[in-house]
């Protein structure tokens, strides 16, 4: 799994702890794009979701400190 695209978790681009990989196809040509992306492990997905939830809470506090919808 060489040359995998990195993943962005908690604001940091890094190598994935991939369980596998996939190569997408250009739908207009049905030809490979030449890129290879990771299929993240369960632990990496949990880490990304937890980081996203924390970021959402921080944004809510910054942009809506009074809790008004």
N, C-alpha and C. Protein backbone atom coordinates (compact mmCIF):
# COMPACT_ATOMS: atom_id res chain seq x y z
N UNK A 1 0.82 -1.18 0.00
CA UNK A 1 0.00 0.00 0.00
C UNK A 1 0.87 1.25 0.00
N UNK A 2 1.73 1.34 -0.97
CA UNK A 2 2.60 2.50 -1.08
C UNK A 2 1.86 3.65 -1.75
N UNK A 3 2.29 4.86 -1.45
CA UNK A 3 1.76 6.07 -2.07
C UNK A 3 0.28 6.31 -1.81
N UNK A 4 -0.19 5.91 -0.64
CA UNK A 4 -1.58 6.19 -0.27
C UNK A 4 -1.73 7.67 0.04
N UNK A 5 -2.88 8.23 -0.32
CA UNK A 5 -3.17 9.61 0.05
C UNK A 5 -3.25 9.69 1.58
N UNK A 6 -2.84 10.81 2.15
CA UNK A 6 -2.94 10.97 3.61
C UNK A 6 -4.38 11.22 4.04
N UNK A 7 -4.62 11.11 5.34
CA UNK A 7 -5.93 11.41 5.92
C UNK A 7 -5.79 12.64 6.81
N UNK A 8 -6.88 13.40 6.93
CA UNK A 8 -6.91 14.60 7.78
C UNK A 8 -7.72 14.28 9.02
N UNK A 9 -7.05 14.20 10.16
CA UNK A 9 -7.72 13.92 11.43
C UNK A 9 -7.26 14.93 12.46
N UNK A 10 -8.22 15.59 13.07
CA UNK A 10 -7.94 16.58 14.12
C UNK A 10 -7.01 17.68 13.62
N UNK A 11 -7.21 18.10 12.36
CA UNK A 11 -6.45 19.20 11.79
C UNK A 11 -5.06 18.86 11.32
N UNK A 12 -4.71 17.58 11.28
CA UNK A 12 -3.36 17.16 10.90
C UNK A 12 -3.44 16.13 9.77
N UNK A 13 -2.74 16.40 8.67
CA UNK A 13 -2.60 15.41 7.60
C UNK A 13 -1.56 14.38 8.04
N UNK A 14 -1.91 13.11 7.88
CA UNK A 14 -0.96 12.07 8.30
C UNK A 14 -1.21 10.79 7.51
N UNK A 15 -0.26 9.88 7.59
CA UNK A 15 -0.43 8.58 6.96
C UNK A 15 -1.54 7.83 7.69
N UNK A 16 -2.30 7.07 6.94
CA UNK A 16 -3.41 6.32 7.50
C UNK A 16 -2.95 5.00 8.10
N UNK A 17 -3.72 4.55 9.10
CA UNK A 17 -3.55 3.19 9.63
C UNK A 17 -4.54 2.32 8.86
N UNK A 18 -4.31 2.22 7.58
CA UNK A 18 -5.27 1.64 6.65
C UNK A 18 -5.43 0.13 6.80
N UNK A 19 -6.69 -0.30 6.64
CA UNK A 19 -7.00 -1.72 6.56
C UNK A 19 -6.91 -2.21 5.12
N UNK A 20 -6.88 -1.28 4.20
CA UNK A 20 -6.83 -1.60 2.78
C UNK A 20 -6.75 -0.31 1.99
N UNK A 21 -6.98 -0.40 0.70
CA UNK A 21 -6.96 0.79 -0.14
C UNK A 21 -7.88 0.58 -1.34
N UNK A 22 -8.14 1.70 -2.04
CA UNK A 22 -8.92 1.60 -3.27
C UNK A 22 -8.42 2.64 -4.25
N UNK A 23 -8.65 2.35 -5.53
CA UNK A 23 -8.27 3.26 -6.60
C UNK A 23 -9.54 3.67 -7.33
N UNK A 24 -9.92 4.96 -7.23
CA UNK A 24 -11.15 5.39 -7.85
C UNK A 24 -11.02 5.49 -9.37
N UNK A 25 -12.19 5.48 -10.02
CA UNK A 25 -12.24 5.64 -11.47
C UNK A 25 -12.95 6.95 -11.79
N UNK A 26 -12.51 7.60 -12.84
CA UNK A 26 -13.17 8.79 -13.36
C UNK A 26 -14.49 8.33 -13.97
N UNK A 27 -15.64 8.76 -13.43
CA UNK A 27 -16.91 8.25 -13.92
C UNK A 27 -17.23 8.65 -15.36
N UNK A 28 -16.62 9.72 -15.84
CA UNK A 28 -16.89 10.13 -17.22
C UNK A 28 -16.15 9.25 -18.23
N UNK A 29 -15.08 8.62 -17.78
CA UNK A 29 -14.27 7.79 -18.68
C UNK A 29 -14.19 6.35 -18.24
N UNK A 30 -14.59 6.09 -16.97
CA UNK A 30 -14.45 4.76 -16.37
C UNK A 30 -13.01 4.25 -16.46
N UNK A 31 -12.09 5.19 -16.22
CA UNK A 31 -10.67 4.85 -16.20
C UNK A 31 -10.12 5.24 -14.83
N UNK A 32 -9.10 4.54 -14.35
CA UNK A 32 -8.50 4.89 -13.06
C UNK A 32 -7.96 6.32 -13.07
N UNK A 33 -8.08 6.98 -11.94
CA UNK A 33 -7.57 8.36 -11.81
C UNK A 33 -6.08 8.38 -11.53
N UNK A 34 -5.52 7.26 -11.13
CA UNK A 34 -4.10 7.19 -10.80
C UNK A 34 -3.82 7.45 -9.33
N UNK A 35 -4.87 7.69 -8.55
CA UNK A 35 -4.71 7.93 -7.12
C UNK A 35 -5.06 6.67 -6.35
N UNK A 36 -4.53 6.57 -5.14
CA UNK A 36 -4.87 5.44 -4.26
C UNK A 36 -5.19 6.00 -2.88
N UNK A 37 -6.36 5.64 -2.37
CA UNK A 37 -6.84 6.15 -1.10
C UNK A 37 -6.95 5.04 -0.06
N UNK A 38 -6.71 5.38 1.20
CA UNK A 38 -6.79 4.37 2.25
C UNK A 38 -8.23 4.04 2.62
N UNK A 39 -8.43 2.83 3.09
CA UNK A 39 -9.66 2.42 3.76
C UNK A 39 -9.28 2.38 5.24
N UNK A 40 -9.73 3.39 5.97
CA UNK A 40 -9.29 3.56 7.36
C UNK A 40 -9.77 2.43 8.25
N UNK A 41 -8.96 2.14 9.27
CA UNK A 41 -9.34 1.13 10.26
C UNK A 41 -10.46 1.69 11.14
N UNK A 42 -11.13 0.82 11.86
CA UNK A 42 -12.21 1.26 12.75
C UNK A 42 -11.69 2.26 13.79
N UNK A 43 -10.52 1.99 14.34
CA UNK A 43 -9.99 2.90 15.36
C UNK A 43 -9.70 4.28 14.78
N UNK A 44 -9.26 4.34 13.54
CA UNK A 44 -9.00 5.62 12.89
C UNK A 44 -10.30 6.37 12.61
N UNK A 45 -11.34 5.65 12.23
CA UNK A 45 -12.65 6.28 12.00
C UNK A 45 -13.19 6.84 13.31
N UNK A 46 -13.09 6.08 14.39
CA UNK A 46 -13.55 6.56 15.70
C UNK A 46 -12.78 7.81 16.09
N UNK A 47 -11.47 7.81 15.88
CA UNK A 47 -10.65 8.98 16.20
C UNK A 47 -11.09 10.20 15.39
N UNK A 48 -11.38 10.01 14.11
CA UNK A 48 -11.81 11.11 13.26
C UNK A 48 -13.18 11.65 13.69
N UNK A 49 -14.10 10.76 14.03
CA UNK A 49 -15.43 11.18 14.45
C UNK A 49 -15.36 11.94 15.78
N UNK A 50 -14.56 11.45 16.71
CA UNK A 50 -14.41 12.13 18.00
C UNK A 50 -13.78 13.52 17.80
N UNK A 51 -12.80 13.64 16.93
CA UNK A 51 -12.18 14.94 16.66
C UNK A 51 -13.18 15.89 16.00
N UNK A 52 -14.00 15.36 15.10
CA UNK A 52 -15.01 16.19 14.43
C UNK A 52 -16.07 16.67 15.43
N UNK A 53 -16.48 15.80 16.34
CA UNK A 53 -17.47 16.18 17.35
C UNK A 53 -16.91 17.27 18.27
N UNK A 54 -15.66 17.15 18.65
CA UNK A 54 -15.03 18.17 19.49
C UNK A 54 -14.93 19.50 18.74
N UNK A 55 -14.60 19.45 17.47
CA UNK A 55 -14.51 20.68 16.67
C UNK A 55 -15.88 21.33 16.52
N UNK A 56 -16.93 20.53 16.35
CA UNK A 56 -18.28 21.07 16.24
C UNK A 56 -18.70 21.76 17.53
N UNK A 57 -18.38 21.16 18.65
CA UNK A 57 -18.70 21.78 19.95
C UNK A 57 -17.96 23.10 20.10
N UNK A 58 -16.69 23.13 19.72
CA UNK A 58 -15.90 24.36 19.82
C UNK A 58 -16.48 25.45 18.93
N UNK A 59 -16.87 25.10 17.72
CA UNK A 59 -17.48 26.08 16.82
C UNK A 59 -18.78 26.62 17.40
N UNK A 60 -19.58 25.75 17.95
CA UNK A 60 -20.85 26.17 18.56
C UNK A 60 -20.59 27.16 19.69
N UNK A 61 -19.62 26.88 20.53
CA UNK A 61 -19.30 27.77 21.65
C UNK A 61 -18.79 29.13 21.16
N UNK A 62 -17.99 29.13 20.09
CA UNK A 62 -17.43 30.37 19.57
C UNK A 62 -18.49 31.23 18.86
N UNK A 63 -19.35 30.59 18.08
CA UNK A 63 -20.26 31.33 17.21
C UNK A 63 -21.67 31.44 17.75
N UNK A 64 -21.97 30.76 18.84
CA UNK A 64 -23.29 30.82 19.43
C UNK A 64 -23.16 30.67 20.94
N UNK A 65 -22.43 31.59 21.59
CA UNK A 65 -22.14 31.42 23.02
C UNK A 65 -23.38 31.43 23.92
N UNK A 66 -24.46 32.03 23.46
CA UNK A 66 -25.67 32.07 24.27
C UNK A 66 -26.62 30.90 24.00
N UNK A 67 -26.24 30.05 23.07
CA UNK A 67 -27.06 28.87 22.78
C UNK A 67 -28.36 29.18 22.06
N UNK A 68 -28.41 30.32 21.37
CA UNK A 68 -29.62 30.70 20.65
C UNK A 68 -29.56 30.11 19.25
N UNK A 69 -30.61 29.42 18.86
CA UNK A 69 -30.65 28.78 17.54
C UNK A 69 -30.85 29.78 16.44
